[in-house]
């Protein structure tokens, strides 16, 4: 008894290479953990069993930038930490995406002093911003889904021109 008799006539599936590649990129994003402040707690909660980021293909947060393609920056970025964030971003392989989580990361938050970077987009390009102080895990999941929709619309030649 073959697979054909068990499953029936499935026909065939047609798609483009671009759709297949973008689908696989969204289903296997590996985030680089970068918890700099209180937003990191909400990022950890999003990984827990209640919210379960594993259903998006993010089984565990990577500690190495060479194994990651999604950089989640959670919390305030100080001037002293900015070169480290840039170095981590540069060490990530292409294609790579950045998600800024929280008001401190997006615009400096309530801190109006010289030590806090007023937005991480001064250091690295940001693809998706997640608002809140701190944002709820649902907000992070919404940001990840928004990033998935953005990645699905990108063409393959977009990355060849970028490199």
C-alpha atoms as a PDB file:
ATOM      1  CA  UNK A   1       0.000   0.000   0.000  1.00  0.00           C
ATOM      2  CA  UNK A   2       1.557   3.244  -1.138  1.00  0.00           C
ATOM      3  CA  UNK A   3       1.189   6.825  -0.068  1.00  0.00           C
ATOM      4  CA  UNK A   4      -1.120   7.487  -3.024  1.00  0.00           C
ATOM      5  CA  UNK A   5      -3.757   5.071  -1.740  1.00  0.00           C
ATOM      6  CA  UNK A   6      -3.661   6.495   1.792  1.00  0.00           C
ATOM      7  CA  UNK A   7      -3.734  10.161   0.846  1.00  0.00           C
ATOM      8  CA  UNK A   8      -5.648  10.063  -2.402  1.00  0.00           C
ATOM      9  CA  UNK A   9      -4.956  12.252  -5.384  1.00  0.00           C
ATOM     10  CA  UNK A  10      -3.392  15.426  -4.014  1.00  0.00           C
ATOM     11  CA  UNK A  11      -2.466  16.830  -7.384  1.00  0.00           C
ATOM     12  CA  UNK A  12       0.485  19.189  -7.348  1.00  0.00           C
ATOM     13  CA  UNK A  13       1.349  22.466  -5.701  1.00  0.00           C
ATOM     14  CA  UNK A  14       2.636  25.445  -7.636  1.00  0.00           C
ATOM     15  CA  UNK A  15       4.386  28.447  -6.176  1.00  0.00           C
ATOM     16  CA  UNK A  16       7.280  30.715  -6.977  1.00  0.00           C
ATOM     17  CA  UNK A  17      10.771  30.378  -5.602  1.00  0.00           C
ATOM     18  CA  UNK A  18      10.393  33.802  -4.017  1.00  0.00           C
ATOM     19  CA  UNK A  19       7.301  32.728  -2.054  1.00  0.00           C
ATOM     20  CA  UNK A  20       8.959  29.501  -0.907  1.00  0.00           C
ATOM     21  CA  UNK A  21      12.118  31.275   0.261  1.00  0.00           C
ATOM     22  CA  UNK A  22      10.212  34.024   2.092  1.00  0.00           C
ATOM     23  CA  UNK A  23       7.915  31.454   3.715  1.00  0.00           C
ATOM     24  CA  UNK A  24      10.918  29.483   4.965  1.00  0.00           C
ATOM     25  CA  UNK A  25      12.569  32.664   6.269  1.00  0.00           C
ATOM     26  CA  UNK A  26       9.515  33.539   8.346  1.00  0.00           C
ATOM     27  CA  UNK A  27       9.116  30.028   9.758  1.00  0.00           C
ATOM     28  CA  UNK A  28      12.731  29.725  10.903  1.00  0.00           C
ATOM     29  CA  UNK A  29      13.744  33.102  12.346  1.00  0.00           C
ATOM     30  CA  UNK A  30      16.246  32.699  15.147  1.00  0.00           C
ATOM     31  CA  UNK A  31      16.250  35.686  17.501  1.00  0.00           C
ATOM     32  CA  UNK A  32      19.362  37.061  19.148  1.00  0.00           C
ATOM     33  CA  UNK A  33      18.600  37.867  22.749  1.00  0.00           C
ATOM     34  CA  UNK A  34      19.511  41.352  23.841  1.00  0.00           C
ATOM     35  CA  UNK A  35      17.742  42.202  27.076  1.00  0.00           C
ATOM     36  CA  UNK A  36      19.029  45.563  28.231  1.00  0.00           C
ATOM     37  CA  UNK A  37      16.343  46.587  30.737  1.00  0.00           C
ATOM     38  CA  UNK A  38      12.841  45.824  32.004  1.00  0.00           C
ATOM     39  CA  UNK A  39      11.543  44.963  28.509  1.00  0.00           C
ATOM     40  CA  UNK A  40      13.690  41.833  28.657  1.00  0.00           C
ATOM     41  CA  UNK A  41      11.318  40.344  31.254  1.00  0.00           C
ATOM     42  CA  UNK A  42       8.405  40.718  28.840  1.00  0.00           C
ATOM     43  CA  UNK A  43      10.521  39.157  26.080  1.00  0.00           C
ATOM     44  CA  UNK A  44      11.200  36.171  28.372  1.00  0.00           C
ATOM     45  CA  UNK A  45       7.500  35.859  29.165  1.00  0.00           C
ATOM     46  CA  UNK A  46       6.724  35.766  25.425  1.00  0.00           C
ATOM     47  CA  UNK A  47       8.999  32.728  25.201  1.00  0.00           C
ATOM     48  CA  UNK A  48       7.173  30.971  28.066  1.00  0.00           C
ATOM     49  CA  UNK A  49       4.419  28.384  27.735  1.00  0.00           C
ATOM     50  CA  UNK A  50       1.604  30.940  28.050  1.00  0.00           C
ATOM     51  CA  UNK A  51       2.545  32.799  24.849  1.00  0.00           C
ATOM     52  CA  UNK A  52       4.875  30.249  23.176  1.00  0.00           C
ATOM     53  CA  UNK A  53       7.067  31.836  20.527  1.00  0.00           C
ATOM     54  CA  UNK A  54       7.916  28.276  19.449  1.00  0.00           C
ATOM     55  CA  UNK A  55       4.818  28.249  17.250  1.00  0.00           C
ATOM     56  CA  UNK A  56       6.545  30.888  15.108  1.00  0.00           C
ATOM     57  CA  UNK A  57       9.681  28.782  14.672  1.00  0.00           C
ATOM     58  CA  UNK A  58      11.601  30.519  17.470  1.00  0.00           C
ATOM     59  CA  UNK A  59      12.418  27.543  19.665  1.00  0.00           C
ATOM     60  CA  UNK A  60      15.063  29.308  21.692  1.00  0.00           C
ATOM     61  CA  UNK A  61      16.822  32.626  21.868  1.00  0.00           C
ATOM     62  CA  UNK A  62      20.329  32.468  20.474  1.00  0.00           C
ATOM     63  CA  UNK A  63      23.271  33.934  22.363  1.00  0.00           C
ATOM     64  CA  UNK A  64      25.521  34.054  19.310  1.00  0.00           C
ATOM     65  CA  UNK A  65      24.982  36.653  16.564  1.00  0.00           C
ATOM     66  CA  UNK A  66      26.404  34.242  13.983  1.00  0.00           C
ATOM     67  CA  UNK A  67      23.436  31.909  14.503  1.00  0.00           C
ATOM     68  CA  UNK A  68      20.735  34.589  14.462  1.00  0.00           C
ATOM     69  CA  UNK A  69      18.816  36.522  11.858  1.00  0.00           C
ATOM     70  CA  UNK A  70      16.398  38.493  14.067  1.00  0.00           C
ATOM     71  CA  UNK A  71      17.834  41.013  16.518  1.00  0.00           C
ATOM     72  CA  UNK A  72      15.310  41.844  19.268  1.00  0.00           C
ATOM     73  CA  UNK A  73      16.606  44.832  21.213  1.00  0.00           C
ATOM     74  CA  UNK A  74      14.618  45.074  24.441  1.00  0.00           C
ATOM     75  CA  UNK A  75      15.198  48.080  26.656  1.00  0.00           C
ATOM     76  CA  UNK A  76      17.194  51.273  26.815  1.00  0.00           C
ATOM     77  CA  UNK A  77      20.471  51.548  24.931  1.00  0.00           C
ATOM     78  CA  UNK A  78      23.180  53.565  26.628  1.00  0.00           C
ATOM     79  CA  UNK A  79      25.994  55.350  24.829  1.00  0.00           C
ATOM     80  CA  UNK A  80      28.397  52.846  26.374  1.00  0.00           C
ATOM     81  CA  UNK A  81      26.388  49.886  25.016  1.00  0.00           C
ATOM     82  CA  UNK A  82      25.860  51.347  21.520  1.00  0.00           C
ATOM     83  CA  UNK A  83      29.175  50.103  19.996  1.00  0.00           C
ATOM     84  CA  UNK A  84      28.460  46.613  21.327  1.00  0.00           C
ATOM     85  CA  UNK A  85      24.990  46.623  19.739  1.00  0.00           C
ATOM     86  CA  UNK A  86      26.517  47.745  16.441  1.00  0.00           C
ATOM     87  CA  UNK A  87      29.170  45.025  16.591  1.00  0.00           C
ATOM     88  CA  UNK A  88      26.544  42.352  17.270  1.00  0.00           C
ATOM     89  CA  UNK A  89      24.497  43.602  14.317  1.00  0.00           C
ATOM     90  CA  UNK A  90      27.541  43.540  12.035  1.00  0.00           C
ATOM     91  CA  UNK A  91      28.341  39.948  13.044  1.00  0.00           C
ATOM     92  CA  UNK A  92      24.886  38.672  12.066  1.00  0.00           C
ATOM     93  CA  UNK A  93      24.662  36.967   8.662  1.00  0.00           C
ATOM     94  CA  UNK A  94      22.461  38.394   5.904  1.00  0.00           C
ATOM     95  CA  UNK A  95      19.486  38.530   5.643  1.00  0.00           C
ATOM     96  CA  UNK A  96      18.924  40.043   9.069  1.00  0.00           C
ATOM     97  CA  UNK A  97      16.110  41.973  10.696  1.00  0.00           C
ATOM     98  CA  UNK A  98      15.855  44.205  13.770  1.00  0.00           C
ATOM     99  CA  UNK A  99      12.902  44.581  16.132  1.00  0.00           C
ATOM    100  CA  UNK A 100      13.046  47.469  18.626  1.00  0.00           C
ATOM    101  CA  UNK A 101      11.027  46.580  21.710  1.00  0.00           C
ATOM    102  CA  UNK A 102       9.868  49.286  24.085  1.00  0.00           C
ATOM    103  CA  UNK A 103       9.734  53.058  24.226  1.00  0.00           C
ATOM    104  CA  UNK A 104      13.284  53.393  25.559  1.00  0.00           C
ATOM    105  CA  UNK A 105      14.669  51.519  22.582  1.00  0.00           C
ATOM    106  CA  UNK A 106      12.465  53.331  20.087  1.00  0.00           C
ATOM    107  CA  UNK A 107      12.805  56.952  21.231  1.00  0.00           C
ATOM    108  CA  UNK A 108      14.730  57.132  24.498  1.00  0.00           C
ATOM    109  CA  UNK A 109      11.617  56.745  26.647  1.00  0.00           C
ATOM    110  CA  UNK A 110      11.355  58.749  29.855  1.00  0.00           C
ATOM    111  CA  UNK A 111      15.111  59.187  30.040  1.00  0.00           C
ATOM    112  CA  UNK A 112      16.067  62.639  28.816  1.00  0.00           C
ATOM    113  CA  UNK A 113      19.802  62.665  29.455  1.00  0.00           C
ATOM    114  CA  UNK A 114      23.079  62.370  27.633  1.00  0.00           C
ATOM    115  CA  UNK A 115      23.721  58.727  28.568  1.00  0.00           C
ATOM    116  CA  UNK A 116      20.734  57.174  26.733  1.00  0.00           C
ATOM    117  CA  UNK A 117      20.636  56.860  22.951  1.00  0.00           C
ATOM    118  CA  UNK A 118      17.391  58.511  21.735  1.00  0.00           C
ATOM    119  CA  UNK A 119      16.365  55.601  19.566  1.00  0.00           C
ATOM    120  CA  UNK A 120      18.360  52.593  18.491  1.00  0.00           C
ATOM    121  CA  UNK A 121      17.781  53.567  14.848  1.00  0.00           C
ATOM    122  CA  UNK A 122      20.712  55.979  15.266  1.00  0.00           C
ATOM    123  CA  UNK A 123      22.986  52.928  15.510  1.00  0.00           C
ATOM    124  CA  UNK A 124      21.393  50.240  13.326  1.00  0.00           C
ATOM    125  CA  UNK A 125      18.433  50.125  10.909  1.00  0.00           C
ATOM    126  CA  UNK A 126      15.188  49.014  12.550  1.00  0.00           C
ATOM    127  CA  UNK A 127      12.493  47.075  10.702  1.00  0.00           C
ATOM    128  CA  UNK A 128       9.690  46.976  13.300  1.00  0.00           C
ATOM    129  CA  UNK A 129       9.009  49.037  16.419  1.00  0.00           C
ATOM    130  CA  UNK A 130       6.979  47.633  19.323  1.00  0.00           C
ATOM    131  CA  UNK A 131       5.509  50.388  21.479  1.00  0.00           C
ATOM    132  CA  UNK A 132       4.892  50.256  25.201  1.00  0.00           C
ATOM    133  CA  UNK A 133       6.668  50.741  28.496  1.00  0.00           C
ATOM    134  CA  UNK A 134       7.233  47.831  28.825  1.00  0.00           C
ATOM    135  CA  UNK A 135       5.285  46.293  25.961  1.00  0.00           C
ATOM    136  CA  UNK A 136       3.208  43.248  26.771  1.00  0.00           C
ATOM    137  CA  UNK A 137       4.166  39.877  25.294  1.00  0.00           C
ATOM    138  CA  UNK A 138       1.173  40.217  22.971  1.00  0.00           C
ATOM    139  CA  UNK A 139       2.781  43.380  21.600  1.00  0.00           C
ATOM    140  CA  UNK A 140       6.013  41.526  20.878  1.00  0.00           C
ATOM    141  CA  UNK A 141       4.102  38.748  19.146  1.00  0.00           C
ATOM    142  CA  UNK A 142       2.234  41.352  17.078  1.00  0.00           C
ATOM    143  CA  UNK A 143       5.569  42.911  16.129  1.00  0.00           C
ATOM    144  CA  UNK A 144       6.913  39.520  15.054  1.00  0.00           C
ATOM    145  CA  UNK A 145       3.811  38.869  12.933  1.00  0.00           C
ATOM    146  CA  UNK A 146       4.219  42.334  11.371  1.00  0.00           C
ATOM    147  CA  UNK A 147       7.831  41.494  10.576  1.00  0.00           C
ATOM    148  CA  UNK A 148       6.741  38.178   9.029  1.00  0.00           C
ATOM    149  CA  UNK A 149       4.322  40.034   6.740  1.00  0.00           C
ATOM    150  CA  UNK A 150       7.101  42.422   5.745  1.00  0.00           C
ATOM    151  CA  UNK A 151       9.502  39.558   4.975  1.00  0.00           C
ATOM    152  CA  UNK A 152       6.892  37.740   2.875  1.00  0.00           C
ATOM    153  CA  UNK A 153       6.606  40.809   0.616  1.00  0.00           C
ATOM    154  CA  UNK A 154      10.358  41.124   0.017  1.00  0.00           C
ATOM    155  CA  UNK A 155      11.804  39.893  -3.219  1.00  0.00           C
ATOM    156  CA  UNK A 156      14.840  37.653  -3.475  1.00  0.00           C
ATOM    157  CA  UNK A 157      16.699  40.255  -5.519  1.00  0.00           C
ATOM    158  CA  UNK A 158      16.264  42.683  -2.590  1.00  0.00           C
ATOM    159  CA  UNK A 159      18.930  40.781  -0.658  1.00  0.00           C
ATOM    160  CA  UNK A 160      21.254  40.361  -3.618  1.00  0.00           C
ATOM    161  CA  UNK A 161      21.307  44.131  -4.163  1.00  0.00           C
ATOM    162  CA  UNK A 162      21.820  44.759  -0.444  1.00  0.00           C
ATOM    163  CA  UNK A 163      24.896  42.536  -0.102  1.00  0.00           C
END
